[in-house]
Amino acid sequence: MSEIEFYIMRFSPDIQRRLLDIRSIAVDAFCNAEEKIYHNVPTFMINGKDIMCYGAYKDHITLYLGYDVTDFLKSIYPQYHYTKAAIHIYHKDSFPYELVREICGLLKQNYAV
């Protein structure tokens, strides 16, 4: 079992499903990225730079995206909760597959992956 799989399997089945969906979408988008645990959460790295991290918490999943992408998303999707460089997806809400795909697309463009 990889360190990423070990991280994901620590959570309940419904949270595992969300994490696996994020991972699957990101693997498709960042085909040349290395996956590793960085800052205690699963991370996609390209040329030693973290492109996207994601982690599960008590009531949400956080996607760590960087300041520019997060700032851009705030204006388009104001219904989500943001920090300076991340977006929170609450477990009580339906999973936003298209949003995660869009985020990965934006990150792919930003980092010319």
PDB file of N, CA and C in Angstrom:
ATOM      1  N   MET A   1       0.851  -1.177   0.000  1.00  0.00           N
ATOM      2  CA  MET A   1       0.000   0.000   0.000  1.00  0.00           C
ATOM      3  C   MET A   1       0.896   1.240   0.000  1.00  0.00           C
ATOM      4  N   SER A   2       0.608   2.182  -0.890  1.00  0.00           N
ATOM      5  CA  SER A   2       1.391   3.418  -0.964  1.00  0.00           C
ATOM      6  C   SER A   2       1.051   4.333   0.208  1.00  0.00           C
ATOM      7  N   GLU A   3       1.896   5.307   0.431  1.00  0.00           N
ATOM      8  CA  GLU A   3       1.645   6.263   1.516  1.00  0.00           C
ATOM      9  C   GLU A   3       0.355   7.059   1.271  1.00  0.00           C
ATOM     10  N   ILE A   4       0.023   7.299   0.023  1.00  0.00           N
ATOM     11  CA  ILE A   4      -1.220   8.006  -0.305  1.00  0.00           C
ATOM     12  C   ILE A   4      -2.424   7.120   0.032  1.00  0.00           C
ATOM     13  N   GLU A   5      -2.352   5.862  -0.377  1.00  0.00           N
ATOM     14  CA  GLU A   5      -3.447   4.927  -0.074  1.00  0.00           C
ATOM     15  C   GLU A   5      -3.607   4.755   1.433  1.00  0.00           C
ATOM     16  N   PHE A   6      -2.507   4.675   2.146  1.00  0.00           N
ATOM     17  CA  PHE A   6      -2.553   4.557   3.599  1.00  0.00           C
ATOM     18  C   PHE A   6      -3.244   5.776   4.205  1.00  0.00           C
ATOM     19  N   TYR A   7      -2.917   6.967   3.721  1.00  0.00           N
ATOM     20  CA  TYR A   7      -3.563   8.195   4.204  1.00  0.00           C
ATOM     21  C   TYR A   7      -5.074   8.111   3.974  1.00  0.00           C
ATOM     22  N   ILE A   8      -5.480   7.750   2.779  1.00  0.00           N
ATOM     23  CA  ILE A   8      -6.902   7.713   2.420  1.00  0.00           C
ATOM     24  C   ILE A   8      -7.659   6.674   3.233  1.00  0.00           C
ATOM     25  N   MET A   9      -7.074   5.520   3.464  1.00  0.00           N
ATOM     26  CA  MET A   9      -7.759   4.428   4.161  1.00  0.00           C
ATOM     27  C   MET A   9      -7.999   4.708   5.640  1.00  0.00           C
ATOM     28  N   ARG A  10      -7.424   5.764   6.158  1.00  0.00           N
ATOM     29  CA  ARG A  10      -7.648   6.138   7.571  1.00  0.00           C
ATOM     30  C   ARG A  10      -9.039   6.692   7.809  1.00  0.00           C
ATOM     31  N   PHE A  11      -9.747   7.049   6.739  1.00  0.00           N
ATOM     32  CA  PHE A  11     -11.024   7.742   6.874  1.00  0.00           C
ATOM     33  C   PHE A  11     -12.208   6.805   6.622  1.00  0.00           C
ATOM     34  N   SER A  12     -13.385   7.288   6.953  1.00  0.00           N
ATOM     35  CA  SER A  12     -14.608   6.513   6.729  1.00  0.00           C
ATOM     36  C   SER A  12     -14.806   6.301   5.224  1.00  0.00           C
ATOM     37  N   PRO A  13     -15.584   5.282   4.843  1.00  0.00           N
ATOM     38  CA  PRO A  13     -15.762   4.979   3.419  1.00  0.00           C
ATOM     39  C   PRO A  13     -16.267   6.148   2.573  1.00  0.00           C
ATOM     40  N   ASP A  14     -17.171   6.966   3.100  1.00  0.00           N
ATOM     41  CA  ASP A  14     -17.670   8.090   2.307  1.00  0.00           C
ATOM     42  C   ASP A  14     -16.590   9.147   2.079  1.00  0.00           C
ATOM     43  N   ILE A  15     -15.749   9.380   3.066  1.00  0.00           N
ATOM     44  CA  ILE A  15     -14.649  10.342   2.902  1.00  0.00           C
ATOM     45  C   ILE A  15     -13.574   9.737   1.994  1.00  0.00           C
ATOM     46  N   GLN A  16     -13.317   8.449   2.139  1.00  0.00           N
ATOM     47  CA  GLN A  16     -12.375   7.767   1.242  1.00  0.00           C
ATOM     48  C   GLN A  16     -12.790   7.963  -0.210  1.00  0.00           C
ATOM     49  N   ARG A  17     -14.084   7.807  -0.484  1.00  0.00           N
ATOM     50  CA  ARG A  17     -14.590   7.940  -1.853  1.00  0.00           C
ATOM     51  C   ARG A  17     -14.280   9.333  -2.395  1.00  0.00           C
ATOM     52  N   ARG A  18     -14.511  10.359  -1.585  1.00  0.00           N
ATOM     53  CA  ARG A  18     -14.235  11.734  -2.023  1.00  0.00           C
ATOM     54  C   ARG A  18     -12.745  11.939  -2.288  1.00  0.00           C
ATOM     55  N   LEU A  19     -11.926  11.439  -1.393  1.00  0.00           N
ATOM     56  CA  LEU A  19     -10.479  11.574  -1.574  1.00  0.00           C
ATOM     57  C   LEU A  19     -10.006  10.819  -2.815  1.00  0.00           C
ATOM     58  N   LEU A  20     -10.557   9.629  -3.018  1.00  0.00           N
ATOM     59  CA  LEU A  20     -10.192   8.855  -4.212  1.00  0.00           C
ATOM     60  C   LEU A  20     -10.657   9.549  -5.488  1.00  0.00           C
ATOM     61  N   ASP A  21     -11.810  10.205  -5.436  1.00  0.00           N
ATOM     62  CA  ASP A  21     -12.293  10.952  -6.605  1.00  0.00           C
ATOM     63  C   ASP A  21     -11.371  12.130  -6.910  1.00  0.00           C
ATOM     64  N   ILE A  22     -10.960  12.853  -5.880  1.00  0.00           N
ATOM     65  CA  ILE A  22     -10.022  13.962  -6.081  1.00  0.00           C
ATOM     66  C   ILE A  22      -8.727  13.438  -6.678  1.00  0.00           C
ATOM     67  N   ARG A  23      -8.238  12.363  -6.114  1.00  0.00           N
ATOM     68  CA  ARG A  23      -6.982  11.776  -6.598  1.00  0.00           C
ATOM     69  C   ARG A  23      -7.099  11.352  -8.058  1.00  0.00           C
ATOM     70  N   SER A  24      -8.187  10.705  -8.410  1.00  0.00           N
ATOM     71  CA  SER A  24      -8.395  10.234  -9.782  1.00  0.00           C
ATOM     72  C   SER A  24      -8.441  11.395 -10.772  1.00  0.00           C
ATOM     73  N   ILE A  25      -9.177  12.431 -10.441  1.00  0.00           N
ATOM     74  CA  ILE A  25      -9.270  13.612 -11.312  1.00  0.00           C
ATOM     75  C   ILE A  25      -7.890  14.253 -11.467  1.00  0.00           C
ATOM     76  N   ALA A  26      -7.166  14.377 -10.366  1.00  0.00           N
ATOM     77  CA  ALA A  26      -5.846  15.011 -10.408  1.00  0.00           C
ATOM     78  C   ALA A  26      -4.822  14.151 -11.157  1.00  0.00           C
ATOM     79  N   VAL A  27      -4.884  12.845 -11.000  1.00  0.00           N
ATOM     80  CA  VAL A  27      -3.971  11.959 -11.730  1.00  0.00           C
ATOM     81  C   VAL A  27      -4.178  12.131 -13.233  1.00  0.00           C
ATOM     82  N   ASP A  28      -5.422  12.234 -13.654  1.00  0.00           N
ATOM     83  CA  ASP A  28      -5.716  12.465 -15.079  1.00  0.00           C
ATOM     84  C   ASP A  28      -5.163  13.815 -15.549  1.00  0.00           C
ATOM     85  N   ALA A  29      -5.275  14.821 -14.714  1.00  0.00           N
ATOM     86  CA  ALA A  29      -4.825  16.164 -15.102  1.00  0.00           C
ATOM     87  C   ALA A  29      -3.305  16.305 -15.056  1.00  0.00           C
ATOM     88  N   PHE A  30      -2.694  15.736 -14.045  1.00  0.00           N
ATOM     89  CA  PHE A  30      -1.261  15.905 -13.827  1.00  0.00           C
ATOM     90  C   PHE A  30      -0.532  14.586 -14.076  1.00  0.00           C
ATOM     91  N   CYS A  31      -0.578  14.110 -15.291  1.00  0.00           N
ATOM     92  CA  CYS A  31      -0.045  12.777 -15.598  1.00  0.00           C
ATOM     93  C   CYS A  31       1.450  12.652 -15.326  1.00  0.00           C
ATOM     94  N   ASN A  32       2.190  13.736 -15.314  1.00  0.00           N
ATOM     95  CA  ASN A  32       3.638  13.684 -15.068  1.00  0.00           C
ATOM     96  C   ASN A  32       4.004  14.001 -13.621  1.00  0.00           C
ATOM     97  N   ALA A  33       3.020  14.155 -12.772  1.00  0.00           N
ATOM     98  CA  ALA A  33       3.292  14.557 -11.390  1.00  0.00           C
ATOM     99  C   ALA A  33       3.684  13.363 -10.528  1.00  0.00           C
ATOM    100  N   GLU A  34       4.468  13.673  -9.522  1.00  0.00           N
ATOM    101  CA  GLU A  34       4.818  12.700  -8.491  1.00  0.00           C
ATOM    102  C   GLU A  34       3.815  12.888  -7.354  1.00  0.00           C
ATOM    103  N   GLU A  35       3.316  11.783  -6.818  1.00  0.00           N
ATOM    104  CA  GLU A  35       2.428  11.846  -5.663  1.00  0.00           C
ATOM    105  C   GLU A  35       3.231  11.502  -4.426  1.00  0.00           C
ATOM    106  N   LYS A  36       3.065  12.316  -3.396  1.00  0.00           N
ATOM    107  CA  LYS A  36       3.741  12.019  -2.140  1.00  0.00           C
ATOM    108  C   LYS A  36       3.006  12.701  -0.999  1.00  0.00           C
ATOM    109  N   ILE A  37       3.318  12.280   0.203  1.00  0.00           N
ATOM    110  CA  ILE A  37       2.813  12.974   1.378  1.00  0.00           C
ATOM    111  C   ILE A  37       3.768  14.133   1.652  1.00  0.00           C
ATOM    112  N   TYR A  38       3.223  15.337   1.669  1.00  0.00           N
ATOM    113  CA  TYR A  38       4.003  16.546   1.890  1.00  0.00           C
ATOM    114  C   TYR A  38       3.174  17.420   2.814  1.00  0.00           C
ATOM    115  N   HIS A  39       3.748  17.896   3.873  1.00  0.00           N
ATOM    116  CA  HIS A  39       3.009  18.629   4.914  1.00  0.00           C
ATOM    117  C   HIS A  39       1.876  17.769   5.474  1.00  0.00           C
ATOM    118  N   ASN A  40       2.098  16.468   5.556  1.00  0.00           N
ATOM    119  CA  ASN A  40       1.167  15.496   6.149  1.00  0.00           C
ATOM    120  C   ASN A  40      -0.094  15.235   5.337  1.00  0.00           C
ATOM    121  N   VAL A  41      -0.149  15.666   4.083  1.00  0.00           N
ATOM    122  CA  VAL A  41      -1.311  15.406   3.236  1.00  0.00           C
ATOM    123  C   VAL A  41      -0.849  14.973   1.841  1.00  0.00           C
ATOM    124  N   PRO A  42      -1.717  14.276   1.099  1.00  0.00           N
ATOM    125  CA  PRO A  42      -1.366  13.895  -0.270  1.00  0.00           C
ATOM    126  C   PRO A  42      -1.122  15.130  -1.134  1.00  0.00           C
ATOM    127  N   THR A  43      -0.066  15.047  -1.933  1.00  0.00           N
ATOM    128  CA  THR A  43       0.371  16.198  -2.721  1.00  0.00           C
ATOM    129  C   THR A  43       0.822  15.749  -4.100  1.00  0.00           C
ATOM    130  N   PHE A  44       0.484  16.542  -5.093  1.00  0.00           N
ATOM    131  CA  PHE A  44       0.995  16.345  -6.453  1.00  0.00           C
ATOM    132  C   PHE A  44       2.140  17.320  -6.649  1.00  0.00           C
ATOM    133  N   MET A  45       3.310  16.778  -7.024  1.00  0.00           N
ATOM    134  CA  MET A  45       4.520  17.576  -7.184  1.00  0.00           C
ATOM    135  C   MET A  45       5.033  17.442  -8.616  1.00  0.00           C
ATOM    136  N   ILE A  46       5.487  18.560  -9.166  1.00  0.00           N
ATOM    137  CA  ILE A  46       6.129  18.559 -10.479  1.00  0.00           C
ATOM    138  C   ILE A  46       7.415  19.363 -10.359  1.00  0.00           C
ATOM    139  N   ASN A  47       8.507  18.739 -10.738  1.00  0.00           N
ATOM    140  CA  ASN A  47       9.833  19.377 -10.637  1.00  0.00           C
ATOM    141  C   ASN A  47      10.091  19.930  -9.243  1.00  0.00           C
ATOM    142  N   GLY A  48       9.691  19.184  -8.224  1.00  0.00           N
ATOM    143  CA  GLY A  48       9.938  19.584  -6.846  1.00  0.00           C
ATOM    144  C   GLY A  48       9.004  20.645  -6.299  1.00  0.00           C
ATOM    145  N   LYS A  49       8.024  21.078  -7.091  1.00  0.00           N
ATOM    146  CA  LYS A  49       7.067  22.114  -6.663  1.00  0.00           C
ATOM    147  C   LYS A  49       5.714  21.472  -6.401  1.00  0.00           C
ATOM    148  N   ASP A  50       5.131  21.790  -5.259  1.00  0.00           N
ATOM    149  CA  ASP A  50       3.800  21.251  -4.965  1.00  0.00           C
ATOM    150  C   ASP A  50       2.761  22.013  -5.786  1.00  0.00           C
ATOM    151  N   ILE A  51       2.004  21.243  -6.569  1.00  0.00           N
ATOM    152  CA  ILE A  51       0.986  21.806  -7.456  1.00  0.00           C
ATOM    153  C   ILE A  51      -0.369  21.858  -6.750  1.00  0.00           C
ATOM    154  N   MET A  52      -0.715  20.755  -6.089  1.00  0.00           N
ATOM    155  CA  MET A  52      -1.983  20.690  -5.357  1.00  0.00           C
ATOM    156  C   MET A  52      -1.850  19.686  -4.227  1.00  0.00           C
ATOM    157  N   CYS A  53      -2.327  20.076  -3.064  1.00  0.00           N
ATOM    158  CA  CYS A  53      -2.404  19.186  -1.906  1.00  0.00           C
ATOM    159  C   CYS A  53      -3.877  19.049  -1.540  1.00  0.00           C
ATOM    160  N   TYR A  54      -4.230  17.936  -0.921  1.00  0.00           N
ATOM    161  CA  TYR A  54      -5.604  17.764  -0.452  1.00  0.00           C
ATOM    162  C   TYR A  54      -5.591  16.962   0.832  1.00  0.00           C
ATOM    163  N   GLY A  55      -6.487  17.314   1.727  1.00  0.00           N
ATOM    164  CA  GLY A  55      -6.536  16.622   3.007  1.00  0.00           C
ATOM    165  C   GLY A  55      -7.938  16.607   3.570  1.00  0.00           C
ATOM    166  N   ALA A  56      -8.237  15.561   4.335  1.00  0.00           N
ATOM    167  CA  ALA A  56      -9.554  15.421   4.957  1.00  0.00           C
ATOM    168  C   ALA A  56      -9.476  15.836   6.423  1.00  0.00           C
ATOM    169  N   TYR A  57     -10.527  16.467   6.852  1.00  0.00           N
ATOM    170  CA  TYR A  57     -10.634  16.929   8.229  1.00  0.00           C
ATOM    171  C   TYR A  57     -12.019  16.571   8.756  1.00  0.00           C
ATOM    172  N   LYS A  58     -12.309  16.943   9.982  1.00  0.00           N
ATOM    173  CA  LYS A  58     -13.540  16.524  10.653  1.00  0.00           C
ATOM    174  C   LYS A  58     -14.800  16.782   9.819  1.00  0.00           C
ATOM    175  N   ASP A  59     -14.932  17.984   9.268  1.00  0.00           N
ATOM    176  CA  ASP A  59     -16.168  18.311   8.561  1.00  0.00           C
ATOM    177  C   ASP A  59     -15.976  18.734   7.106  1.00  0.00           C
ATOM    178  N   HIS A  60     -14.738  18.627   6.606  1.00  0.00           N
ATOM    179  CA  HIS A  60     -14.499  19.066   5.226  1.00  0.00           C
ATOM    180  C   HIS A  60     -13.231  18.445   4.648  1.00  0.00           C
ATOM    181  N   ILE A  61     -13.074  18.624   3.358  1.00  0.00           N
ATOM    182  CA  ILE A  61     -11.832  18.329   2.654  1.00  0.00           C
ATOM    183  C   ILE A  61     -11.294  19.667   2.177  1.00  0.00           C
ATOM    184  N   THR A  62     -10.006  19.846   2.322  1.00  0.00           N
ATOM    185  CA  THR A  62      -9.370  21.068   1.851  1.00  0.00           C
ATOM    186  C   THR A  62      -8.500  20.757   0.647  1.00  0.00           C
ATOM    187  N   LEU A  63      -8.627  21.594  -0.375  1.00  0.00           N
ATOM    188  CA  LEU A  63      -7.732  21.552  -1.525  1.00  0.00           C
ATOM    189  C   LEU A  63      -6.826  22.766  -1.409  1.00  0.00           C
ATOM    190  N   TYR A  64      -5.533  22.521  -1.269  1.00  0.00           N
ATOM    191  CA  TYR A  64      -4.549  23.594  -1.177  1.00  0.00           C
ATOM    192  C   TYR A  64      -4.075  23.905  -2.588  1.00  0.00           C
ATOM    193  N   LEU A  65      -4.351  25.130  -3.064  1.00  0.00           N
ATOM    194  CA  LEU A  65      -4.197  25.465  -4.480  1.00  0.00           C
ATOM    195  C   LEU A  65      -3.202  26.579  -4.765  1.00  0.00           C
ATOM    196  N   GLY A  66      -2.837  27.327  -3.788  1.00  0.00           N
ATOM    197  CA  GLY A  66      -2.013  28.510  -3.999  1.00  0.00           C
ATOM    198  C   GLY A  66      -2.877  29.757  -4.028  1.00  0.00           C
ATOM    199  N   TYR A  67      -2.255  30.888  -3.836  1.00  0.00           N
ATOM    200  CA  TYR A  67      -2.980  32.156  -3.703  1.00  0.00           C
ATOM    201  C   TYR A  67      -3.716  32.576  -4.967  1.00  0.00           C
ATOM    202  N   ASP A  68      -3.065  32.500  -6.107  1.00  0.00           N
ATOM    203  CA  ASP A  68      -3.660  33.017  -7.344  1.00  0.00           C
ATOM    204  C   ASP A  68      -4.911  32.240  -7.751  1.00  0.00           C
ATOM    205  N   VAL A  69      -4.837  30.937  -7.758  1.00  0.00           N
ATOM    206  CA  VAL A  69      -5.992  30.120  -8.157  1.00  0.00           C
ATOM    207  C   VAL A  69      -7.114  30.284  -7.147  1.00  0.00           C
ATOM    208  N   THR A  70      -6.783  30.285  -5.866  1.00  0.00           N
ATOM    209  CA  THR A  70      -7.816  30.454  -4.836  1.00  0.00           C
ATOM    210  C   THR A  70      -8.499  31.808  -4.976  1.00  0.00           C
ATOM    211  N   ASP A  71      -7.739  32.851  -5.176  1.00  0.00           N
ATOM    212  CA  ASP A  71      -8.307  34.187  -5.347  1.00  0.00           C
ATOM    213  C   ASP A  71      -9.234  34.239  -6.565  1.00  0.00           C
ATOM    214  N   PHE A  72      -8.819  33.617  -7.651  1.00  0.00           N
ATOM    215  CA  PHE A  72      -9.638  33.559  -8.862  1.00  0.00           C
ATOM    216  C   PHE A  72     -10.956  32.830  -8.588  1.00  0.00           C
ATOM    217  N   LEU A  73     -10.897  31.702  -7.892  1.00  0.00           N
ATOM    218  CA  LEU A  73     -12.100  30.910  -7.619  1.00  0.00           C
ATOM    219  C   LEU A  73     -13.095  31.646  -6.726  1.00  0.00           C
ATOM    220  N   LYS A  74     -12.601  32.455  -5.816  1.00  0.00           N
ATOM    221  CA  LYS A  74     -13.490  33.193  -4.904  1.00  0.00           C
ATOM    222  C   LYS A  74     -14.503  34.036  -5.667  1.00  0.00           C
ATOM    223  N   SER A  75     -14.086  34.606  -6.773  1.00  0.00           N
ATOM    224  CA  SER A  75     -14.991  35.467  -7.531  1.00  0.00           C
ATOM    225  C   SER A  75     -16.010  34.659  -8.343  1.00  0.00           C
ATOM    226  N   ILE A  76     -15.664  33.438  -8.702  1.00  0.00           N
ATOM    227  CA  ILE A  76     -16.555  32.608  -9.517  1.00  0.00           C
ATOM    228  C   ILE A  76     -17.468  31.723  -8.665  1.00  0.00           C
ATOM    229  N   TYR A  77     -16.938  31.228  -7.557  1.00  0.00           N
ATOM    230  CA  TYR A  77     -17.676  30.312  -6.678  1.00  0.00           C
ATOM    231  C   TYR A  77     -17.710  30.859  -5.249  1.00  0.00           C
ATOM    232  N   PRO A  78     -18.447  31.930  -5.027  1.00  0.00           N
ATOM    233  CA  PRO A  78     -18.449  32.542  -3.689  1.00  0.00           C
ATOM    234  C   PRO A  78     -19.138  31.682  -2.623  1.00  0.00           C
ATOM    235  N   GLN A  79     -19.849  30.644  -3.026  1.00  0.00           N
ATOM    236  CA  GLN A  79     -20.580  29.815  -2.066  1.00  0.00           C
ATOM    237  C   GLN A  79     -19.669  28.909  -1.237  1.00  0.00           C
ATOM    238  N   TYR A  80     -18.413  28.773  -1.620  1.00  0.00           N
ATOM    239  CA  TYR A  80     -17.483  27.923  -0.885  1.00  0.00           C
ATOM    240  C   TYR A  80     -16.712  28.737   0.147  1.00  0.00           C
ATOM    241  N   HIS A  81     -16.184  28.037   1.130  1.00  0.00           N
ATOM    242  CA  HIS A  81     -15.355  28.678   2.154  1.00  0.00           C
ATOM    243  C   HIS A  81     -13.901  28.594   1.704  1.00  0.00           C
ATOM    244  N   TYR A  82     -13.183  29.691   1.837  1.00  0.00           N
ATOM    245  CA  TYR A  82     -11.799  29.773   1.393  1.00  0.00           C
ATOM    246  C   TYR A  82     -10.900  30.243   2.521  1.00  0.00           C
ATOM    247  N   THR A  83      -9.653  29.851   2.427  1.00  0.00           N
ATOM    248  CA  THR A  83      -8.597  30.480   3.213  1.00  0.00           C
ATOM    249  C   THR A  83      -7.727  31.205   2.184  1.00  0.00           C
ATOM    250  N   LYS A  84      -6.590  31.707   2.571  1.00  0.00           N
ATOM    251  CA  LYS A  84      -5.758  32.458   1.622  1.00  0.00           C
ATOM    252  C   LYS A  84      -5.364  31.638   0.397  1.00  0.00           C
ATOM    253  N   ALA A  85      -5.115  30.342   0.574  1.00  0.00           N
ATOM    254  CA  ALA A  85      -4.594  29.535  -0.533  1.00  0.00           C
ATOM    255  C   ALA A  85      -5.314  28.199  -0.686  1.00  0.00           C
ATOM    256  N   ALA A  86      -6.562  28.108  -0.181  1.00  0.00           N
ATOM    257  CA  ALA A  86      -7.250  26.820  -0.210  1.00  0.00           C
ATOM    258  C   ALA A  86      -8.765  26.999  -0.274  1.00  0.00           C
ATOM    259  N   ILE A  87      -9.419  25.937  -0.708  1.00  0.00           N
ATOM    260  CA  ILE A  87     -10.878  25.879  -0.730  1.00  0.00           C
ATOM    261  C   ILE A  87     -11.320  24.687   0.112  1.00  0.00           C
ATOM    262  N   HIS A  88     -12.421  24.858   0.827  1.00  0.00           N
ATOM    263  CA  HIS A  88     -12.969  23.787   1.662  1.00  0.00           C
ATOM    264  C   HIS A  88     -14.210  23.207   0.988  1.00  0.00           C
ATOM    265  N   ILE A  89     -14.278  21.903   0.947  1.00  0.00           N
ATOM    266  CA  ILE A  89     -15.457  21.197   0.441  1.00  0.00           C
ATOM    267  C   ILE A  89     -16.042  20.441   1.634  1.00  0.00           C
ATOM    268  N   TYR A  90     -17.208  20.871   2.101  1.00  0.00           N
ATOM    269  CA  TYR A  90     -17.793  20.293   3.304  1.00  0.00           C
ATOM    270  C   TYR A  90     -18.420  18.934   3.009  1.00  0.00           C
ATOM    271  N   HIS A  91     -18.265  18.011   3.961  1.00  0.00           N
ATOM    272  CA  HIS A  91     -18.789  16.655   3.807  1.00  0.00           C
ATOM    273  C   HIS A  91     -20.303  16.653   3.652  1.00  0.00           C
ATOM    274  N   LYS A  92     -20.987  17.607   4.264  1.00  0.00           N
ATOM    275  CA  LYS A  92     -22.450  17.652   4.212  1.00  0.00           C
ATOM    276  C   LYS A  92     -22.975  18.043   2.822  1.00  0.00           C
ATOM    277  N   ASP A  93     -22.115  18.629   2.002  1.00  0.00           N
ATOM    278  CA  ASP A  93     -22.510  19.076   0.665  1.00  0.00           C
ATOM    279  C   ASP A  93     -22.228  17.986  -0.365  1.00  0.00           C
ATOM    280  N   SER A  94     -22.953  18.025  -1.476  1.00  0.00           N
ATOM    281  CA  SER A  94     -22.670  17.058  -2.543  1.00  0.00           C
ATOM    282  C   SER A  94     -21.280  17.351  -3.113  1.00  0.00           C
ATOM    283  N   PHE A  95     -20.650  16.302  -3.603  1.00  0.00           N
ATOM    284  CA  PHE A  95     -19.278  16.448  -4.081  1.00  0.00           C
ATOM    285  C   PHE A  95     -19.248  17.173  -5.428  1.00  0.00           C
ATOM    286  N   PRO A  96     -18.478  18.256  -5.543  1.00  0.00           N
ATOM    287  CA  PRO A  96     -18.451  19.070  -6.772  1.00  0.00           C
ATOM    288  C   PRO A  96     -17.407  18.563  -7.792  1.00  0.00           C
ATOM    289  N   TYR A  97     -17.738  17.474  -8.472  1.00  0.00           N
ATOM    290  CA  TYR A  97     -16.813  16.874  -9.437  1.00  0.00           C
ATOM    291  C   TYR A  97     -16.326  17.883 -10.473  1.00  0.00           C
ATOM    292  N   GLU A  98     -17.261  18.641 -11.027  1.00  0.00           N
ATOM    293  CA  GLU A  98     -16.874  19.596 -12.080  1.00  0.00           C
ATOM    294  C   GLU A  98     -15.968  20.693 -11.534  1.00  0.00           C
ATOM    295  N   LEU A  99     -16.202  21.127 -10.320  1.00  0.00           N
ATOM    296  CA  LEU A  99     -15.330  22.134  -9.711  1.00  0.00           C
ATOM    297  C   LEU A  99     -13.912  21.582  -9.559  1.00  0.00           C
ATOM    298  N   VAL A 100     -13.783  20.356  -9.098  1.00  0.00           N
ATOM    299  CA  VAL A 100     -12.452  19.763  -8.931  1.00  0.00           C
ATOM    300  C   VAL A 100     -11.761  19.626 -10.287  1.00  0.00           C
ATOM    301  N   ARG A 101     -12.520  19.242 -11.316  1.00  0.00           N
ATOM    302  CA  ARG A 101     -11.944  19.165 -12.668  1.00  0.00           C
ATOM    303  C   ARG A 101     -11.478  20.548 -13.139  1.00  0.00           C
ATOM    304  N   GLU A 102     -12.303  21.554 -12.885  1.00  0.00           N
ATOM    305  CA  GLU A 102     -11.949  22.917 -13.287  1.00  0.00           C
ATOM    306  C   GLU A 102     -10.693  23.397 -12.540  1.00  0.00           C
ATOM    307  N   ILE A 103     -10.622  23.112 -11.256  1.00  0.00           N
ATOM    308  CA  ILE A 103      -9.459  23.490 -10.462  1.00  0.00           C
ATOM    309  C   ILE A 103      -8.203  22.841 -11.029  1.00  0.00           C
ATOM    310  N   CYS A 104      -8.282  21.556 -11.318  1.00  0.00           N
ATOM    311  CA  CYS A 104      -7.114  20.858 -11.875  1.00  0.00           C
ATOM    312  C   CYS A 104      -6.732  21.450 -13.234  1.00  0.00           C
ATOM    313  N   GLY A 105      -7.718  21.815 -14.030  1.00  0.00           N
ATOM    314  CA  GLY A 105      -7.438  22.457 -15.313  1.00  0.00           C
ATOM    315  C   GLY A 105      -6.738  23.796 -15.141  1.00  0.00           C
ATOM    316  N   LEU A 106      -7.196  24.591 -14.181  1.00  0.00           N
ATOM    317  CA  LEU A 106      -6.560  25.888 -13.907  1.00  0.00           C
ATOM    318  C   LEU A 106      -5.122  25.702 -13.431  1.00  0.00           C
ATOM    319  N   LEU A 107      -4.930  24.752 -12.545  1.00  0.00           N
ATOM    320  CA  LEU A 107      -3.580  24.498 -12.045  1.00  0.00           C
ATOM    321  C   LEU A 107      -2.679  23.986 -13.165  1.00  0.00           C
ATOM    322  N   LYS A 108      -3.235  23.171 -14.017  1.00  0.00           N
ATOM    323  CA  LYS A 108      -2.465  22.642 -15.158  1.00  0.00           C
ATOM    324  C   LYS A 108      -2.002  23.785 -16.055  1.00  0.00           C
ATOM    325  N   GLN A 109      -2.900  24.751 -16.312  1.00  0.00           N
ATOM    326  CA  GLN A 109      -2.536  25.920 -17.115  1.00  0.00           C
ATOM    327  C   GLN A 109      -1.481  26.770 -16.410  1.00  0.00           C
ATOM    328  N   ASN A 110      -1.691  27.008 -15.123  1.00  0.00           N
ATOM    329  CA  ASN A 110      -0.762  27.870 -14.357  1.00  0.00           C
ATOM    330  C   ASN A 110       0.656  27.312 -14.325  1.00  0.00           C
ATOM    331  N   TYR A 111       0.753  25.993 -14.265  1.00  0.00           N
ATOM    332  CA  TYR A 111       2.064  25.372 -14.129  1.00  0.00           C
ATOM    333  C   TYR A 111       2.529  24.730 -15.429  1.00  0.00           C
ATOM    334  N   ALA A 112       1.779  24.955 -16.517  1.00  0.00           N
ATOM    335  CA  ALA A 112       2.124  24.429 -17.835  1.00  0.00           C
ATOM    336  C   ALA A 112       2.521  22.958 -17.759  1.00  0.00           C
ATOM    337  N   VAL A 113       1.634  22.195 -17.141  1.00  0.00           N
ATOM    338  CA  VAL A 113       1.881  20.764 -16.929  1.00  0.00           C
ATOM    339  C   VAL A 113       1.508  19.995 -18.183  1.00  0.00           C
TER     340      VAL A 113
END
